[in-house]
Amino acid sequence: MEVLSVAQQKKQLPMAILAILREHTDAKKHIRQMPIMKLLEEEHSLTATRKTVRKNLAALQQAGYPVKFNKGWYYDHLMTAEELDYLSACVMASDIPDDRRTVLLERLSTMAGPLHAPATGSSAYAPVNPAFFAVANDLAGAIAKGRKVTLVMDAPAGEKAARLRVTPCHLARQNGRSVLVCITDGEKTAREIPVNGIAGVRVLKQAAASPEERAQAE
């Protein structure tokens, strides 16, 4: 393996640090300087001191890269996982040709970063519930307002639909599907409910669970 000179290492450090942030962090997952130094050695065969790493992070910020700090350093990707999930669902439910759909999904998958790359085979998924987008919008609104909701669950024809009163915490992606992470009234731990299995949402006036209770779902 070629041994890089000090000058060559110095030149490669900024982009190597940027690559580490893009591949290992997002708005919810941050990283400190020591782990960055370790990843520089493991993934890029580069060595750096804490001072050098800090200096390069500051330089990346000054250059306009979306590098931010909040109890740790992270790359602020173009799109959150939830936004990516919603747009991917829109594409998958569209009537555009299959080849164009695949290209769009591949492009979208890069916008939230490698941490949120879709699972193998997930691009074949498309919402089968006609109410999917209305349900997703209602849930997003309730989460933003901090309100509880009553979920009307999908049920076979002729059967009574179950109803659940929950505190919606956030929408997440699981194997290419949208799920609602929530806390059901009377329970203390979070559960995941596929959005495709929800037929309707009624936003209540009652405030959602406390921030401490909602933190259990993070």
Protein backbone atom coordinates (compact mmCIF):
# COMPACT_ATOMS: atom_id res chain seq x y z
CA MET A 1 0.00 0.00 0.00
CA GLU A 2 1.30 3.41 -0.96
CA VAL A 3 2.44 5.55 1.96
CA LEU A 4 1.13 9.06 1.63
CA SER A 5 3.31 12.04 2.37
CA VAL A 6 2.27 14.56 5.03
CA ALA A 7 1.26 16.97 2.28
CA GLN A 8 -0.89 14.33 0.56
CA GLN A 9 -2.61 13.38 3.83
CA LYS A 10 -3.30 17.03 4.58
CA LYS A 11 -4.89 17.45 1.15
CA GLN A 12 -7.13 14.39 1.50
CA LEU A 13 -8.30 14.97 5.08
CA PRO A 14 -11.19 17.42 4.44
CA MET A 15 -12.95 15.21 1.88
CA ALA A 16 -12.30 12.09 3.97
CA ILE A 17 -13.91 13.72 7.00
CA LEU A 18 -16.82 14.85 4.86
CA ALA A 19 -17.28 11.31 3.54
CA ILE A 20 -17.34 9.95 7.11
CA LEU A 21 -20.01 12.43 8.15
CA ARG A 22 -22.13 11.64 5.07
CA GLU A 23 -21.92 7.89 5.59
CA HIS A 24 -22.15 7.63 9.38
CA THR A 25 -24.28 10.55 10.57
CA ASP A 26 -27.54 12.40 10.08
CA ALA A 27 -29.66 14.89 12.06
CA LYS A 28 -30.38 12.21 14.68
CA LYS A 29 -27.03 10.43 14.79
CA HIS A 30 -23.99 12.54 15.63
CA ILE A 31 -20.31 11.75 16.06
CA ARG A 32 -17.47 13.21 18.14
CA GLN A 33 -13.90 13.91 17.10
CA MET A 34 -12.30 10.75 18.52
CA PRO A 35 -14.56 8.39 16.51
CA ILE A 36 -13.85 10.51 13.43
CA MET A 37 -10.11 10.00 13.99
CA LYS A 38 -10.64 6.25 14.33
CA LEU A 39 -12.71 6.08 11.12
CA LEU A 40 -10.09 8.11 9.28
CA GLU A 41 -7.56 5.38 10.05
CA GLU A 42 -9.89 2.42 9.43
CA GLU A 43 -11.59 3.63 6.25
CA HIS A 44 -9.14 6.08 4.70
CA SER A 45 -5.72 5.10 6.13
CA LEU A 46 -5.27 8.67 7.34
CA THR A 47 -4.11 9.94 10.73
CA ALA A 48 -5.05 13.22 12.35
CA THR A 49 -5.01 14.90 15.75
CA ARG A 50 -8.11 16.26 17.47
CA LYS A 51 -6.91 19.77 16.65
CA THR A 52 -6.52 18.92 12.96
CA VAL A 53 -9.95 17.28 12.79
CA ARG A 54 -11.55 20.30 14.49
CA LYS A 55 -9.77 22.66 12.10
CA ASN A 56 -10.97 20.72 9.04
CA LEU A 57 -14.55 20.56 10.34
CA ALA A 58 -14.54 24.34 10.73
CA ALA A 59 -13.09 24.71 7.22
CA LEU A 60 -15.86 22.51 5.76
CA GLN A 61 -18.49 24.69 7.44
CA GLN A 62 -16.87 27.87 6.13
CA ALA A 63 -16.79 26.36 2.63
CA GLY A 64 -20.59 25.95 2.77
CA TYR A 65 -20.88 22.20 3.30
CA PRO A 66 -23.91 21.14 5.43
CA VAL A 67 -21.76 20.15 8.39
CA LYS A 68 -23.35 20.96 11.75
CA PHE A 69 -22.75 20.45 15.45
CA ASN A 70 -25.25 19.58 18.18
CA LYS A 71 -23.69 17.53 20.97
CA GLY A 72 -21.67 16.02 18.14
CA TRP A 73 -20.88 16.54 14.47
CA TYR A 74 -23.24 15.47 11.69
CA TYR A 75 -24.03 15.91 8.00
CA ASP A 76 -27.35 17.65 7.37
CA HIS A 77 -28.68 15.63 4.44
CA LEU A 78 -30.98 17.11 1.80
CA MET A 79 -33.94 15.13 3.05
CA THR A 80 -35.04 13.47 6.27
CA ALA A 81 -35.91 9.78 6.32
CA GLU A 82 -39.58 10.67 6.79
CA GLU A 83 -39.60 13.03 3.80
CA LEU A 84 -37.81 10.41 1.73
CA ASP A 85 -40.36 7.80 2.76
CA TYR A 86 -43.29 9.99 1.73
CA LEU A 87 -41.82 10.97 -1.65
CA SER A 88 -40.77 7.38 -2.35
CA ALA A 89 -44.32 6.23 -1.65
CA CYS A 90 -45.63 8.89 -4.05
CA VAL A 91 -43.29 7.66 -6.78
CA MET A 92 -44.11 4.02 -6.17
CA ALA A 93 -47.84 4.72 -6.33
CA SER A 94 -47.54 6.73 -9.55
CA ASP A 95 -48.32 5.51 -13.06
CA ILE A 96 -44.98 6.47 -14.58
CA PRO A 97 -43.10 3.70 -16.50
CA ASP A 98 -41.32 1.11 -14.38
CA ASP A 99 -37.85 2.04 -15.62
CA ARG A 100 -38.36 5.73 -14.77
CA ARG A 101 -39.81 4.80 -11.38
CA THR A 102 -36.70 2.76 -10.58
CA VAL A 103 -34.38 5.62 -11.57
CA LEU A 104 -36.31 8.13 -9.44
CA LEU A 105 -36.31 5.82 -6.42
CA GLU A 106 -32.56 5.31 -6.73
CA ARG A 107 -31.99 9.07 -6.85
CA LEU A 108 -34.29 9.71 -3.90
CA SER A 109 -32.56 7.03 -1.85
CA THR A 110 -29.32 9.04 -1.83
CA MET A 111 -30.87 12.22 -0.49
CA ALA A 112 -31.27 11.07 3.13
CA GLY A 113 -27.80 9.53 3.18
CA PRO A 114 -26.51 5.95 3.35
CA LEU A 115 -28.04 5.40 6.81
CA HIS A 116 -31.48 5.45 5.23
CA ALA A 117 -30.85 3.54 2.03
CA PRO A 118 -33.90 1.39 1.24
CA ALA A 119 -33.76 -2.29 2.07
CA THR A 120 -33.14 -4.76 -0.74
CA GLY A 121 -36.33 -5.27 -2.71
CA SER A 122 -38.17 -2.41 -1.02
CA SER A 123 -38.63 -0.53 -4.31
CA ALA A 124 -41.26 -3.12 -5.22
CA TYR A 125 -43.46 -1.80 -2.43
CA ALA A 126 -46.35 0.51 -3.24
CA PRO A 127 -49.22 1.61 -0.98
CA VAL A 128 -52.29 -0.57 -1.50
CA ASN A 129 -54.49 1.41 0.86
CA PRO A 130 -56.32 4.19 -1.08
CA ALA A 131 -56.30 6.32 2.09
CA PHE A 132 -52.51 6.08 2.48
CA PHE A 133 -51.65 9.69 1.62
CA ALA A 134 -54.57 11.22 3.54
CA VAL A 135 -53.64 9.12 6.58
CA ALA A 136 -49.96 10.10 6.32
CA ASN A 137 -50.87 13.80 6.08
CA ASP A 138 -53.25 13.62 9.07
CA LEU A 139 -50.64 11.85 11.17
CA ALA A 140 -47.94 14.35 10.24
CA GLY A 141 -50.27 17.21 11.22
CA ALA A 142 -51.13 15.63 14.57
CA ILE A 143 -47.46 15.03 15.35
CA ALA A 144 -46.62 18.66 14.54
CA LYS A 145 -49.44 19.93 16.78
CA GLY A 146 -48.71 17.51 19.62
CA ARG A 147 -52.20 15.99 19.54
CA LYS A 148 -53.52 12.50 20.21
CA VAL A 149 -55.38 10.65 17.47
CA THR A 150 -57.86 7.84 17.09
CA LEU A 151 -56.80 5.35 14.46
CA VAL A 152 -59.45 3.47 12.50
CA MET A 153 -57.75 0.25 11.47
CA ASP A 154 -58.34 -1.40 8.11
CA ALA A 155 -60.63 -4.44 8.32
CA PRO A 156 -62.02 -7.03 5.89
CA ALA A 157 -65.46 -6.32 4.44
CA GLY A 158 -68.21 -7.15 6.90
CA GLU A 159 -65.98 -6.94 9.97
CA LYS A 160 -65.95 -4.11 12.49
CA ALA A 161 -62.87 -1.93 12.29
CA ALA A 162 -60.77 -1.70 15.44
CA ARG A 163 -60.08 1.75 16.89
CA LEU A 164 -56.96 2.75 18.78
CA ARG A 165 -56.32 6.01 20.65
CA VAL A 166 -52.63 6.78 20.51
CA THR A 167 -49.98 9.45 20.87
CA PRO A 168 -48.29 9.60 17.43
CA CYS A 169 -44.54 10.09 17.91
CA HIS A 170 -43.09 9.96 14.40
CA LEU A 171 -43.31 8.29 11.03
CA ALA A 172 -40.46 5.93 10.21
CA ARG A 173 -39.26 3.56 7.50
CA GLN A 174 -39.09 -0.17 8.08
CA ASN A 175 -38.04 -2.46 5.22
CA GLY A 176 -39.32 0.07 2.70
CA ARG A 177 -42.67 0.54 4.42
CA SER A 178 -44.06 3.49 6.35
CA VAL A 179 -44.82 2.80 9.99
CA LEU A 180 -46.25 5.01 12.72
CA VAL A 181 -44.27 4.87 15.93
CA CYS A 182 -46.77 5.63 18.68
CA ILE A 183 -47.77 5.07 22.29
CA THR A 184 -51.21 3.51 22.80
CA ASP A 185 -53.25 4.88 25.69
CA GLY A 186 -52.72 2.71 28.75
CA GLU A 187 -49.32 1.50 27.59
CA LYS A 188 -45.86 2.80 28.47
CA THR A 189 -43.78 1.51 25.60
CA ALA A 190 -43.87 2.46 21.94
CA ARG A 191 -45.26 0.28 19.18
CA GLU A 192 -45.08 0.39 15.39
CA ILE A 193 -48.20 0.34 13.22
CA PRO A 194 -47.97 0.04 9.41
CA VAL A 195 -49.52 3.15 7.84
CA ASN A 196 -50.95 0.92 5.12
CA GLY A 197 -53.08 -0.78 7.76
CA ILE A 198 -54.75 2.44 8.90
CA ALA A 199 -58.03 3.30 7.17
CA GLY A 200 -58.58 6.68 8.78
CA VAL A 201 -57.36 9.15 11.40
CA ARG A 202 -59.32 11.38 13.74
CA VAL A 203 -57.21 14.13 15.30
CA LEU A 204 -58.32 14.76 18.90
CA LYS A 205 -58.25 17.94 20.97
CA GLN A 206 -56.43 16.10 23.74
CA ALA A 207 -52.73 16.88 24.03
CA ALA A 208 -50.28 14.11 23.26
CA ALA A 209 -48.14 12.37 25.84
CA SER A 210 -45.45 14.30 27.66
CA PRO A 211 -42.03 14.79 26.03
CA GLU A 212 -40.61 12.25 28.49
CA GLU A 213 -43.18 9.64 27.40
CA ARG A 214 -42.68 10.43 23.72
CA ALA A 215 -38.90 10.11 24.16
CA GLN A 216 -39.41 6.41 24.74
CA ALA A 217 -40.24 6.09 21.06
CA GLU A 218 -37.05 7.74 19.84
